[in-house]
Amino acid sequence: MSNQHTVIVELLAASGCGHCQKARALVKETIAELGNHQVQYREINVVEDIDYAVRLGMLSTPAIALDGKLVFPSPPSKAKLRQAILDRLGES
């Protein structure tokens, strides 16, 4: 009996943003290490989807949202990102 839901990890980024590339690697690596099929990755190009980014409250790139809520306005450590995902999954 599992009441887990899917966690959507969204990277809000812009093309040509060096910090965004590092954040992308951090997010993808963290998700891969969790090895959980309940975690999905989405990348939001803030230039193409600025309205969504503004609704989340994003002020600069890169930023990370979990389940449609801005959780990290700037890239966190891998440990903090991992813990935030696990908290959302109910596995902490």
N, C-alpha and C. Protein backbone atom coordinates (compact mmCIF):
# COMPACT_ATOMS: atom_id res chain seq x y z
N MET A 1 0.84 -1.18 0.00
CA MET A 1 0.00 0.00 0.00
C MET A 1 0.88 1.24 0.00
N SER A 2 1.03 1.83 -1.15
CA SER A 2 1.91 2.99 -1.29
C SER A 2 1.09 4.22 -1.62
N ASN A 3 1.33 5.28 -0.87
CA ASN A 3 0.61 6.52 -1.17
C ASN A 3 1.58 7.56 -1.71
N GLN A 4 2.64 7.07 -2.35
CA GLN A 4 3.61 7.99 -2.95
C GLN A 4 3.01 8.64 -4.18
N HIS A 5 3.42 9.86 -4.41
CA HIS A 5 3.01 10.54 -5.62
C HIS A 5 4.27 10.84 -6.42
N THR A 6 4.07 11.26 -7.63
CA THR A 6 5.21 11.62 -8.47
C THR A 6 5.67 13.02 -8.09
N VAL A 7 6.97 13.19 -7.97
CA VAL A 7 7.55 14.50 -7.72
C VAL A 7 8.12 15.01 -9.03
N ILE A 8 7.71 16.21 -9.41
CA ILE A 8 8.22 16.81 -10.63
C ILE A 8 9.27 17.85 -10.24
N VAL A 9 10.49 17.61 -10.70
CA VAL A 9 11.60 18.53 -10.44
C VAL A 9 11.79 19.37 -11.70
N GLU A 10 11.60 20.68 -11.56
CA GLU A 10 11.70 21.57 -12.71
C GLU A 10 12.91 22.48 -12.56
N LEU A 11 13.73 22.48 -13.59
CA LEU A 11 14.86 23.40 -13.65
C LEU A 11 14.44 24.57 -14.51
N LEU A 12 14.45 25.75 -13.92
CA LEU A 12 14.13 26.97 -14.68
C LEU A 12 15.45 27.56 -15.14
N ALA A 13 15.64 27.55 -16.45
CA ALA A 13 16.94 27.90 -17.01
C ALA A 13 16.78 28.75 -18.26
N ALA A 14 17.91 29.29 -18.70
CA ALA A 14 17.94 30.05 -19.95
C ALA A 14 19.10 29.52 -20.78
N SER A 15 18.93 29.52 -22.10
CA SER A 15 20.01 29.05 -22.95
C SER A 15 21.20 30.00 -22.83
N GLY A 16 22.39 29.44 -22.88
CA GLY A 16 23.59 30.25 -22.77
C GLY A 16 23.97 30.61 -21.35
N CYS A 17 23.26 30.06 -20.37
CA CYS A 17 23.52 30.35 -18.96
C CYS A 17 24.46 29.28 -18.40
N GLY A 18 25.70 29.65 -18.10
CA GLY A 18 26.69 28.69 -17.61
C GLY A 18 26.28 28.04 -16.30
N HIS A 19 25.73 28.82 -15.39
CA HIS A 19 25.29 28.26 -14.11
C HIS A 19 24.13 27.29 -14.31
N CYS A 20 23.33 27.52 -15.34
CA CYS A 20 22.20 26.64 -15.64
C CYS A 20 22.70 25.25 -16.05
N GLN A 21 23.80 25.22 -16.81
CA GLN A 21 24.35 23.92 -17.22
C GLN A 21 24.81 23.13 -16.00
N LYS A 22 25.45 23.80 -15.06
CA LYS A 22 25.89 23.12 -13.83
C LYS A 22 24.70 22.64 -13.03
N ALA A 23 23.65 23.48 -12.94
CA ALA A 23 22.45 23.10 -12.20
C ALA A 23 21.75 21.92 -12.86
N ARG A 24 21.73 21.90 -14.21
CA ARG A 24 21.13 20.78 -14.95
C ARG A 24 21.84 19.48 -14.58
N ALA A 25 23.16 19.52 -14.57
CA ALA A 25 23.94 18.33 -14.23
C ALA A 25 23.64 17.90 -12.79
N LEU A 26 23.56 18.86 -11.87
CA LEU A 26 23.27 18.57 -10.47
C LEU A 26 21.91 17.89 -10.33
N VAL A 27 20.90 18.45 -10.98
CA VAL A 27 19.55 17.91 -10.86
C VAL A 27 19.47 16.51 -11.46
N LYS A 28 20.00 16.34 -12.67
CA LYS A 28 19.93 15.04 -13.33
C LYS A 28 20.71 13.97 -12.56
N GLU A 29 21.86 14.36 -12.03
CA GLU A 29 22.68 13.41 -11.26
C GLU A 29 21.96 13.01 -9.97
N THR A 30 21.35 13.97 -9.31
CA THR A 30 20.63 13.69 -8.06
C THR A 30 19.45 12.75 -8.32
N ILE A 31 18.70 13.03 -9.37
CA ILE A 31 17.56 12.17 -9.71
C ILE A 31 18.04 10.76 -10.05
N ALA A 32 19.13 10.66 -10.83
CA ALA A 32 19.67 9.35 -11.21
C ALA A 32 20.11 8.57 -9.97
N GLU A 33 20.75 9.25 -9.02
CA GLU A 33 21.21 8.58 -7.81
C GLU A 33 20.04 8.09 -6.96
N LEU A 34 18.95 8.82 -6.97
CA LEU A 34 17.77 8.38 -6.22
C LEU A 34 17.18 7.13 -6.85
N GLY A 35 17.31 7.02 -8.18
CA GLY A 35 16.82 5.84 -8.88
C GLY A 35 15.34 5.59 -8.65
N ASN A 36 14.57 6.64 -8.47
CA ASN A 36 13.16 6.49 -8.15
C ASN A 36 12.33 6.89 -9.36
N HIS A 37 11.48 6.00 -9.80
CA HIS A 37 10.65 6.28 -10.97
C HIS A 37 9.53 7.26 -10.64
N GLN A 38 9.39 7.62 -9.38
CA GLN A 38 8.37 8.59 -8.96
C GLN A 38 8.87 10.02 -9.14
N VAL A 39 10.11 10.19 -9.61
CA VAL A 39 10.69 11.52 -9.78
C VAL A 39 10.83 11.81 -11.27
N GLN A 40 10.23 12.92 -11.71
CA GLN A 40 10.31 13.31 -13.12
C GLN A 40 11.04 14.63 -13.25
N TYR A 41 11.77 14.77 -14.35
CA TYR A 41 12.54 15.99 -14.62
C TYR A 41 11.89 16.77 -15.75
N ARG A 42 11.78 18.06 -15.55
CA ARG A 42 11.32 18.96 -16.61
C ARG A 42 12.23 20.17 -16.63
N GLU A 43 12.57 20.61 -17.82
CA GLU A 43 13.36 21.83 -17.93
C GLU A 43 12.48 22.91 -18.53
N ILE A 44 12.44 24.04 -17.87
CA ILE A 44 11.63 25.16 -18.33
C ILE A 44 12.56 26.24 -18.87
N ASN A 45 12.40 26.57 -20.14
CA ASN A 45 13.17 27.66 -20.72
C ASN A 45 12.42 28.95 -20.37
N VAL A 46 13.03 29.76 -19.50
CA VAL A 46 12.32 30.92 -18.99
C VAL A 46 12.05 31.97 -20.07
N VAL A 47 12.80 31.95 -21.15
CA VAL A 47 12.54 32.90 -22.23
C VAL A 47 11.25 32.51 -22.95
N GLU A 48 11.05 31.20 -23.13
CA GLU A 48 9.85 30.72 -23.82
C GLU A 48 8.63 30.67 -22.91
N ASP A 49 8.86 30.50 -21.61
CA ASP A 49 7.74 30.33 -20.67
C ASP A 49 7.88 31.29 -19.50
N ILE A 50 8.09 32.57 -19.82
CA ILE A 50 8.34 33.57 -18.79
C ILE A 50 7.15 33.73 -17.84
N ASP A 51 5.93 33.58 -18.36
CA ASP A 51 4.75 33.74 -17.50
C ASP A 51 4.75 32.72 -16.36
N TYR A 52 5.10 31.48 -16.68
CA TYR A 52 5.15 30.43 -15.66
C TYR A 52 6.25 30.75 -14.65
N ALA A 53 7.41 31.15 -15.13
CA ALA A 53 8.53 31.48 -14.25
C ALA A 53 8.15 32.62 -13.31
N VAL A 54 7.47 33.62 -13.82
CA VAL A 54 7.05 34.76 -12.99
C VAL A 54 6.02 34.31 -11.96
N ARG A 55 5.08 33.46 -12.36
CA ARG A 55 4.07 32.94 -11.42
C ARG A 55 4.74 32.20 -10.26
N LEU A 56 5.83 31.50 -10.55
CA LEU A 56 6.54 30.78 -9.49
C LEU A 56 7.31 31.74 -8.57
N GLY A 57 7.59 32.94 -9.06
CA GLY A 57 8.35 33.89 -8.26
C GLY A 57 9.84 33.86 -8.54
N MET A 58 10.22 33.27 -9.67
CA MET A 58 11.63 33.18 -10.03
C MET A 58 12.19 34.57 -10.34
N LEU A 59 13.33 34.88 -9.74
CA LEU A 59 13.96 36.18 -9.96
C LEU A 59 15.20 36.07 -10.83
N SER A 60 15.86 34.91 -10.81
CA SER A 60 17.06 34.72 -11.63
C SER A 60 17.22 33.25 -11.95
N THR A 61 18.02 32.98 -12.98
CA THR A 61 18.29 31.59 -13.35
C THR A 61 19.68 31.21 -12.89
N PRO A 62 19.89 29.94 -12.58
CA PRO A 62 18.90 28.87 -12.56
C PRO A 62 18.13 28.85 -11.23
N ALA A 63 16.96 28.27 -11.27
CA ALA A 63 16.14 28.07 -10.08
C ALA A 63 15.52 26.67 -10.20
N ILE A 64 15.10 26.12 -9.07
CA ILE A 64 14.54 24.77 -9.08
C ILE A 64 13.20 24.78 -8.36
N ALA A 65 12.20 24.24 -9.03
CA ALA A 65 10.86 24.10 -8.46
C ALA A 65 10.57 22.62 -8.26
N LEU A 66 9.83 22.32 -7.21
CA LEU A 66 9.36 20.96 -6.96
C LEU A 66 7.85 21.00 -6.95
N ASP A 67 7.23 20.17 -7.76
CA ASP A 67 5.77 20.10 -7.83
C ASP A 67 5.14 21.47 -8.06
N GLY A 68 5.76 22.28 -8.92
CA GLY A 68 5.17 23.56 -9.27
C GLY A 68 5.33 24.66 -8.23
N LYS A 69 6.23 24.45 -7.25
CA LYS A 69 6.49 25.47 -6.25
C LYS A 69 7.99 25.78 -6.23
N LEU A 70 8.33 27.04 -6.28
CA LEU A 70 9.74 27.43 -6.26
C LEU A 70 10.32 27.09 -4.89
N VAL A 71 11.26 26.15 -4.87
CA VAL A 71 11.86 25.70 -3.61
C VAL A 71 13.27 26.25 -3.47
N PHE A 72 13.99 26.30 -4.58
CA PHE A 72 15.37 26.79 -4.56
C PHE A 72 15.52 27.92 -5.57
N PRO A 73 15.53 29.18 -5.10
CA PRO A 73 15.70 30.30 -6.02
C PRO A 73 17.10 30.35 -6.63
N SER A 74 18.02 29.60 -6.05
CA SER A 74 19.36 29.42 -6.61
C SER A 74 19.74 27.97 -6.34
N PRO A 75 20.71 27.42 -7.10
CA PRO A 75 21.03 26.00 -6.97
C PRO A 75 21.47 25.62 -5.55
N PRO A 76 20.88 24.57 -5.01
CA PRO A 76 21.25 24.09 -3.68
C PRO A 76 22.41 23.10 -3.78
N SER A 77 22.86 22.63 -2.64
CA SER A 77 23.82 21.52 -2.64
C SER A 77 23.05 20.26 -3.05
N LYS A 78 23.78 19.26 -3.49
CA LYS A 78 23.14 18.00 -3.88
C LYS A 78 22.39 17.40 -2.69
N ALA A 79 22.97 17.50 -1.49
CA ALA A 79 22.33 16.94 -0.29
C ALA A 79 20.99 17.62 -0.01
N LYS A 80 20.94 18.95 -0.15
CA LYS A 80 19.69 19.67 0.11
C LYS A 80 18.63 19.33 -0.93
N LEU A 81 19.04 19.23 -2.19
CA LEU A 81 18.09 18.87 -3.25
C LEU A 81 17.56 17.47 -3.02
N ARG A 82 18.45 16.55 -2.72
CA ARG A 82 18.06 15.16 -2.46
C ARG A 82 17.05 15.09 -1.32
N GLN A 83 17.35 15.80 -0.22
CA GLN A 83 16.46 15.77 0.94
C GLN A 83 15.10 16.37 0.62
N ALA A 84 15.08 17.45 -0.14
CA ALA A 84 13.81 18.08 -0.51
C ALA A 84 12.96 17.13 -1.35
N ILE A 85 13.59 16.40 -2.27
CA ILE A 85 12.86 15.44 -3.09
C ILE A 85 12.33 14.30 -2.21
N LEU A 86 13.19 13.78 -1.34
CA LEU A 86 12.76 12.68 -0.45
C LEU A 86 11.63 13.13 0.47
N ASP A 87 11.71 14.36 0.96
CA ASP A 87 10.62 14.88 1.80
C ASP A 87 9.30 14.86 1.04
N ARG A 88 9.34 15.28 -0.23
CA ARG A 88 8.12 15.31 -1.05
C ARG A 88 7.61 13.89 -1.32
N LEU A 89 8.53 12.94 -1.40
CA LEU A 89 8.14 11.56 -1.64
C LEU A 89 7.64 10.88 -0.36
N GLY A 90 7.92 11.53 0.78
CA GLY A 90 7.53 10.93 2.06
C GLY A 90 8.49 9.86 2.51
N GLU A 91 9.76 9.96 2.08
CA GLU A 91 10.75 8.93 2.42
C GLU A 91 11.84 9.43 3.35
N SER A 92 11.69 10.60 3.91
CA SER A 92 12.78 11.13 4.76
C SER A 92 12.74 10.50 6.13
